[in-house]
Amino acid sequence: MFSRGPKKHRLCRLWLNSATAARPGERLEQLLQARQTTLVPLFQTAQALTQQLAVLLNSGGNPAQVGILVIQIHALQQQMAQAQQAFLTQFVAILDAEQLQKLQAVQIAAQLQPILPAFQPIFLF
């Protein structure tokens, strides 16, 4: 659900460990586990509330109940965003300067990735 799978975790650990003697791969695993422990129950609760909301909306439910569910779902979404931000802050803190530079390059590439198909017809890469 939030995990990208063991293979991608291994790739990330290899990347982290390749650039430093500190070997923060173990710390990354701890951070990922903590994030998972926090996010999974929040996500499951939000999913259940979303299903309740759909039932209420489809059955013409009480507007007050609909509003309460929307507020609860929004609060859970905020908690999930805060947990993700805390993970990212802690993740960046374990990186050395070289790793941080690589991470920033990956973040830029991820932002640019959706527009790459527009440049393929003119053979820019």
Protein backbone atom coordinates (compact mmCIF):
# COMPACT_ATOMS: atom_id res chain seq x y z
CA MET A 1 0.00 0.00 0.00
CA PHE A 2 2.63 2.60 1.00
CA SER A 3 5.64 0.40 0.57
CA ARG A 4 7.19 0.22 -2.85
CA GLY A 5 8.29 -3.33 -2.25
CA PRO A 6 11.42 -5.03 -0.96
CA LYS A 7 13.25 -4.77 -4.28
CA LYS A 8 13.00 -0.97 -4.36
CA HIS A 9 14.02 -0.78 -0.71
CA ARG A 10 17.12 -2.83 -1.56
CA LEU A 11 17.93 -0.46 -4.43
CA CYS A 12 17.57 2.54 -2.16
CA ARG A 13 19.77 0.90 0.49
CA LEU A 14 22.40 0.08 -2.15
CA TRP A 15 22.34 3.68 -3.32
CA LEU A 16 22.68 4.97 0.23
CA ASN A 17 25.45 2.56 1.13
CA SER A 18 27.42 3.11 -2.07
CA ALA A 19 28.23 6.72 -1.29
CA THR A 20 29.20 6.67 2.36
CA ALA A 21 31.08 4.76 4.98
CA ALA A 22 28.33 5.51 7.50
CA ARG A 23 26.00 2.96 5.88
CA PRO A 24 22.61 4.53 6.68
CA GLY A 25 20.71 1.68 5.00
CA GLU A 26 19.78 0.18 8.36
CA ARG A 27 18.47 3.54 9.56
CA LEU A 28 16.43 3.80 6.36
CA GLU A 29 14.80 0.47 7.14
CA GLN A 30 13.91 1.74 10.61
CA LEU A 31 12.43 4.92 9.16
CA LEU A 32 10.42 2.98 6.59
CA GLN A 33 9.07 0.63 9.24
CA ALA A 34 8.09 3.53 11.50
CA ARG A 35 6.36 5.27 8.61
CA GLN A 36 4.50 2.09 7.71
CA THR A 37 3.44 1.56 11.32
CA THR A 38 2.03 5.08 11.42
CA LEU A 39 0.47 5.28 7.97
CA VAL A 40 -1.22 1.91 7.60
CA PRO A 41 -3.80 2.36 10.40
CA LEU A 42 -4.48 5.94 9.29
CA PHE A 43 -4.97 4.79 5.71
CA GLN A 44 -7.20 1.89 6.71
CA THR A 45 -9.36 4.17 8.86
CA ALA A 46 -9.61 6.75 6.05
CA GLN A 47 -10.55 3.99 3.61
CA ALA A 48 -13.31 2.72 5.92
CA LEU A 49 -14.65 6.25 6.45
CA THR A 50 -14.57 6.86 2.69
CA GLN A 51 -16.66 3.74 2.17
CA GLN A 52 -19.12 4.93 4.83
CA LEU A 53 -19.26 8.29 3.09
CA ALA A 54 -20.02 6.64 -0.25
CA VAL A 55 -22.86 4.66 1.33
CA LEU A 56 -24.28 7.81 2.90
CA LEU A 57 -24.03 9.77 -0.33
CA ASN A 58 -25.60 6.99 -2.39
CA SER A 59 -28.48 6.60 0.05
CA GLY A 60 -29.18 10.29 0.49
CA GLY A 61 -27.82 10.25 4.03
CA ASN A 62 -27.98 12.93 6.65
CA PRO A 63 -25.92 15.98 5.55
CA ALA A 64 -24.57 16.42 9.09
CA GLN A 65 -23.24 12.85 9.06
CA VAL A 66 -21.73 13.44 5.62
CA GLY A 67 -20.01 16.56 6.91
CA ILE A 68 -18.64 14.78 9.95
CA LEU A 69 -17.18 12.02 7.77
CA VAL A 70 -15.62 14.53 5.37
CA ILE A 71 -13.99 16.35 8.30
CA GLN A 72 -12.71 13.07 9.78
CA ILE A 73 -11.29 11.96 6.43
CA HIS A 74 -9.61 15.31 5.95
CA ALA A 75 -8.06 15.11 9.43
CA LEU A 76 -6.68 11.65 8.63
CA GLN A 77 -5.26 12.92 5.34
CA GLN A 78 -3.49 15.70 7.22
CA GLN A 79 -2.06 13.20 9.71
CA MET A 80 -0.80 11.04 6.83
CA ALA A 81 0.83 14.05 5.18
CA GLN A 82 2.50 14.99 8.49
CA ALA A 83 3.80 11.44 8.93
CA GLN A 84 5.20 11.45 5.40
CA GLN A 85 6.84 14.85 5.94
CA ALA A 86 8.39 13.62 9.20
CA PHE A 87 9.76 10.58 7.34
CA LEU A 88 11.23 12.76 4.60
CA THR A 89 12.84 15.11 7.13
CA GLN A 90 14.41 12.19 8.98
CA PHE A 91 15.49 10.54 5.71
CA VAL A 92 17.25 13.68 4.49
CA ALA A 93 18.97 13.98 7.88
CA ILE A 94 20.79 10.64 7.40
CA LEU A 95 22.23 11.63 4.03
CA ASP A 96 25.70 13.01 3.51
CA ALA A 97 26.29 15.91 1.10
CA GLU A 98 26.83 13.67 -1.93
CA GLN A 99 23.69 11.64 -1.24
CA LEU A 100 21.67 14.80 -0.68
CA GLN A 101 22.83 16.13 -4.04
CA LYS A 102 21.81 12.86 -5.72
CA LEU A 103 18.44 12.94 -3.98
CA GLN A 104 17.82 16.46 -5.21
CA ALA A 105 18.68 15.36 -8.76
CA VAL A 106 16.21 12.46 -8.45
CA GLN A 107 13.52 14.84 -7.17
CA ILE A 108 14.06 17.16 -10.14
CA ALA A 109 13.96 14.20 -12.54
CA ALA A 110 10.69 13.01 -10.98
CA GLN A 111 9.15 16.44 -11.53
CA LEU A 112 10.30 16.55 -15.14
CA GLN A 113 9.37 12.96 -16.00
CA PRO A 114 5.72 13.69 -16.95
CA ILE A 115 6.78 16.18 -19.64
CA LEU A 116 9.42 13.97 -21.30
CA PRO A 117 7.02 12.41 -23.85
CA ALA A 118 6.41 15.87 -25.33
CA PHE A 119 10.08 16.08 -26.33
CA GLN A 120 10.43 12.57 -27.78
CA PRO A 121 9.04 13.48 -31.24
CA ILE A 122 11.82 16.02 -31.75
CA PHE A 123 14.53 13.58 -30.57
CA LEU A 124 15.99 15.71 -27.78
CA PHE A 125 17.12 12.59 -25.91
